[in-house]
């Protein structure tokens, strides 16, 4: 997966936007003001950091060399994925989508008690 492929995938999520709150070198993808992915732009090793279930994060780090702890993020809830490593592209897309789902606002169910 290339950096451009990653960007396109992130921006396909409904309501997703790309921002640069940490400077021009780090793209941050958000939904409703909450970050679901971030990726350095100018680097020899293209990567993305995504939020994930803590138990899944442990499994992923144990199973793939390309997946590790996310730099400067909560190590329990975020993983970093080398885009050109041993993690397959469909799985990277699934991880981005799962991260999006974890942070997007949940709609209140109709008829739910307030």
C-alpha atoms as a PDB file:
ATOM      1  CA  UNK A   1       0.000   0.000   0.000  1.00  0.00           C
ATOM      2  CA  UNK A   2       1.330   3.423  -0.890  1.00  0.00           C
ATOM      3  CA  UNK A   3       0.924   6.644   1.059  1.00  0.00           C
ATOM      4  CA  UNK A   4      -1.472   7.874  -1.666  1.00  0.00           C
ATOM      5  CA  UNK A   5      -3.527   4.646  -1.430  1.00  0.00           C
ATOM      6  CA  UNK A   6      -3.751   5.131   2.333  1.00  0.00           C
ATOM      7  CA  UNK A   7      -4.840   8.750   1.980  1.00  0.00           C
ATOM      8  CA  UNK A   8      -7.514   7.818  -0.577  1.00  0.00           C
ATOM      9  CA  UNK A   9      -8.824   5.022   1.663  1.00  0.00           C
ATOM     10  CA  UNK A  10      -8.990   7.259   4.743  1.00  0.00           C
ATOM     11  CA  UNK A  11     -10.824   9.989   2.865  1.00  0.00           C
ATOM     12  CA  UNK A  12     -13.397   7.495   1.538  1.00  0.00           C
ATOM     13  CA  UNK A  13     -14.772   7.133   5.061  1.00  0.00           C
ATOM     14  CA  UNK A  14     -17.984   9.177   5.395  1.00  0.00           C
ATOM     15  CA  UNK A  15     -17.248  12.594   6.902  1.00  0.00           C
ATOM     16  CA  UNK A  16     -13.486  12.019   7.082  1.00  0.00           C
ATOM     17  CA  UNK A  17     -11.160  14.992   6.731  1.00  0.00           C
ATOM     18  CA  UNK A  18      -7.396  15.383   6.499  1.00  0.00           C
ATOM     19  CA  UNK A  19      -5.738  17.950   8.753  1.00  0.00           C
ATOM     20  CA  UNK A  20      -2.186  18.883   9.741  1.00  0.00           C
ATOM     21  CA  UNK A  21      -2.332  19.884  13.445  1.00  0.00           C
ATOM     22  CA  UNK A  22       1.214  18.616  14.118  1.00  0.00           C
ATOM     23  CA  UNK A  23       2.843  20.364  11.160  1.00  0.00           C
ATOM     24  CA  UNK A  24       3.092  19.837   7.428  1.00  0.00           C
ATOM     25  CA  UNK A  25       4.815  16.456   7.726  1.00  0.00           C
ATOM     26  CA  UNK A  26       2.053  14.498   9.509  1.00  0.00           C
ATOM     27  CA  UNK A  27      -1.356  13.923   7.952  1.00  0.00           C
ATOM     28  CA  UNK A  28      -4.090  13.375  10.522  1.00  0.00           C
ATOM     29  CA  UNK A  29      -7.382  11.853   9.439  1.00  0.00           C
ATOM     30  CA  UNK A  30     -10.387  12.718  11.589  1.00  0.00           C
ATOM     31  CA  UNK A  31     -14.102  12.144  11.877  1.00  0.00           C
ATOM     32  CA  UNK A  32     -16.135  14.656  13.903  1.00  0.00           C
ATOM     33  CA  UNK A  33     -12.918  16.142  15.299  1.00  0.00           C
ATOM     34  CA  UNK A  34     -11.548  12.788  16.512  1.00  0.00           C
ATOM     35  CA  UNK A  35      -8.404  11.272  15.067  1.00  0.00           C
ATOM     36  CA  UNK A  36      -8.689   7.789  13.547  1.00  0.00           C
ATOM     37  CA  UNK A  37      -5.409   7.618  11.597  1.00  0.00           C
ATOM     38  CA  UNK A  38      -2.196   9.542  11.227  1.00  0.00           C
ATOM     39  CA  UNK A  39       0.665   9.139   8.828  1.00  0.00           C
ATOM     40  CA  UNK A  40       4.012  10.874   8.346  1.00  0.00           C
ATOM     41  CA  UNK A  41       4.349  12.246   4.830  1.00  0.00           C
ATOM     42  CA  UNK A  42       8.076  12.587   4.220  1.00  0.00           C
ATOM     43  CA  UNK A  43       9.699   9.419   5.504  1.00  0.00           C
ATOM     44  CA  UNK A  44      11.698   6.523   4.107  1.00  0.00           C
ATOM     45  CA  UNK A  45       9.252   4.094   5.717  1.00  0.00           C
ATOM     46  CA  UNK A  46       5.601   4.925   4.928  1.00  0.00           C
ATOM     47  CA  UNK A  47       3.387   4.033   7.884  1.00  0.00           C
ATOM     48  CA  UNK A  48       0.065   4.681   9.516  1.00  0.00           C
ATOM     49  CA  UNK A  49      -1.013   4.684  13.144  1.00  0.00           C
ATOM     50  CA  UNK A  50      -4.553   3.535  13.906  1.00  0.00           C
ATOM     51  CA  UNK A  51      -6.663   2.945  16.978  1.00  0.00           C
ATOM     52  CA  UNK A  52      -7.582  -0.663  17.707  1.00  0.00           C
ATOM     53  CA  UNK A  53      -8.911  -2.998  20.367  1.00  0.00           C
ATOM     54  CA  UNK A  54      -6.140  -3.594  22.939  1.00  0.00           C
ATOM     55  CA  UNK A  55      -6.323  -7.415  22.643  1.00  0.00           C
ATOM     56  CA  UNK A  56      -6.181  -7.215  18.856  1.00  0.00           C
ATOM     57  CA  UNK A  57      -3.202  -4.875  19.114  1.00  0.00           C
ATOM     58  CA  UNK A  58      -1.272  -7.485  21.102  1.00  0.00           C
ATOM     59  CA  UNK A  59      -2.115 -10.196  18.555  1.00  0.00           C
ATOM     60  CA  UNK A  60      -1.113  -7.998  15.636  1.00  0.00           C
ATOM     61  CA  UNK A  61       2.218  -6.990  17.177  1.00  0.00           C
ATOM     62  CA  UNK A  62       2.998 -10.662  17.858  1.00  0.00           C
ATOM     63  CA  UNK A  63       2.003 -11.774  14.331  1.00  0.00           C
ATOM     64  CA  UNK A  64       3.485  -9.115  12.028  1.00  0.00           C
ATOM     65  CA  UNK A  65       6.900  -7.507  11.991  1.00  0.00           C
ATOM     66  CA  UNK A  66       5.317  -4.480  10.279  1.00  0.00           C
ATOM     67  CA  UNK A  67       3.041  -3.760  13.249  1.00  0.00           C
ATOM     68  CA  UNK A  68       4.339  -2.164  16.412  1.00  0.00           C
ATOM     69  CA  UNK A  69       3.584   0.403  19.069  1.00  0.00           C
ATOM     70  CA  UNK A  70       2.441   3.796  17.790  1.00  0.00           C
ATOM     71  CA  UNK A  71       4.909   6.587  18.470  1.00  0.00           C
ATOM     72  CA  UNK A  72       3.590   9.265  20.894  1.00  0.00           C
ATOM     73  CA  UNK A  73       0.167   7.600  21.187  1.00  0.00           C
ATOM     74  CA  UNK A  74      -1.452   5.409  23.828  1.00  0.00           C
ATOM     75  CA  UNK A  75       0.431   2.125  23.389  1.00  0.00           C
ATOM     76  CA  UNK A  76      -2.547   0.083  24.565  1.00  0.00           C
ATOM     77  CA  UNK A  77      -5.044   1.496  22.049  1.00  0.00           C
ATOM     78  CA  UNK A  78      -2.932   2.447  19.020  1.00  0.00           C
ATOM     79  CA  UNK A  79      -0.680   0.483  16.658  1.00  0.00           C
ATOM     80  CA  UNK A  80       1.678   1.600  13.935  1.00  0.00           C
ATOM     81  CA  UNK A  81       1.774  -0.275  10.614  1.00  0.00           C
ATOM     82  CA  UNK A  82       4.610  -0.119   8.073  1.00  0.00           C
ATOM     83  CA  UNK A  83       2.740   0.149   4.772  1.00  0.00           C
ATOM     84  CA  UNK A  84       5.341  -1.796   2.809  1.00  0.00           C
ATOM     85  CA  UNK A  85       5.901  -4.502   5.436  1.00  0.00           C
ATOM     86  CA  UNK A  86       4.424  -7.967   5.916  1.00  0.00           C
ATOM     87  CA  UNK A  87       0.899  -6.773   6.795  1.00  0.00           C
ATOM     88  CA  UNK A  88      -1.362  -7.379   3.771  1.00  0.00           C
ATOM     89  CA  UNK A  89      -3.075  -4.380   2.169  1.00  0.00           C
ATOM     90  CA  UNK A  90      -6.633  -5.675   2.807  1.00  0.00           C
ATOM     91  CA  UNK A  91      -5.805  -5.977   6.513  1.00  0.00           C
ATOM     92  CA  UNK A  92      -4.396  -2.436   6.593  1.00  0.00           C
ATOM     93  CA  UNK A  93      -7.629  -1.173   4.999  1.00  0.00           C
ATOM     94  CA  UNK A  94      -9.634  -3.135   7.606  1.00  0.00           C
ATOM     95  CA  UNK A  95      -7.564  -1.648  10.437  1.00  0.00           C
ATOM     96  CA  UNK A  96      -8.178   1.883   9.153  1.00  0.00           C
ATOM     97  CA  UNK A  97     -11.901   1.167   8.842  1.00  0.00           C
ATOM     98  CA  UNK A  98     -12.025  -0.375  12.333  1.00  0.00           C
ATOM     99  CA  UNK A  99     -10.223   2.664  13.767  1.00  0.00           C
ATOM    100  CA  UNK A 100     -12.730   4.945  12.048  1.00  0.00           C
ATOM    101  CA  UNK A 101     -15.593   2.895  13.520  1.00  0.00           C
ATOM    102  CA  UNK A 102     -14.080   3.094  17.016  1.00  0.00           C
ATOM    103  CA  UNK A 103     -13.939   6.898  17.059  1.00  0.00           C
ATOM    104  CA  UNK A 104     -16.901   7.980  14.937  1.00  0.00           C
ATOM    105  CA  UNK A 105     -19.902   9.349  16.803  1.00  0.00           C
ATOM    106  CA  UNK A 106     -22.552   6.764  17.556  1.00  0.00           C
ATOM    107  CA  UNK A 107     -26.108   7.663  16.715  1.00  0.00           C
ATOM    108  CA  UNK A 108     -28.642   7.464  19.485  1.00  0.00           C
ATOM    109  CA  UNK A 109     -31.116   4.679  18.901  1.00  0.00           C
ATOM    110  CA  UNK A 110     -34.681   5.747  18.202  1.00  0.00           C
ATOM    111  CA  UNK A 111     -36.812   5.479  21.277  1.00  0.00           C
ATOM    112  CA  UNK A 112     -33.847   5.117  23.614  1.00  0.00           C
ATOM    113  CA  UNK A 113     -34.357   6.596  27.051  1.00  0.00           C
ATOM    114  CA  UNK A 114     -32.596   9.919  27.591  1.00  0.00           C
END
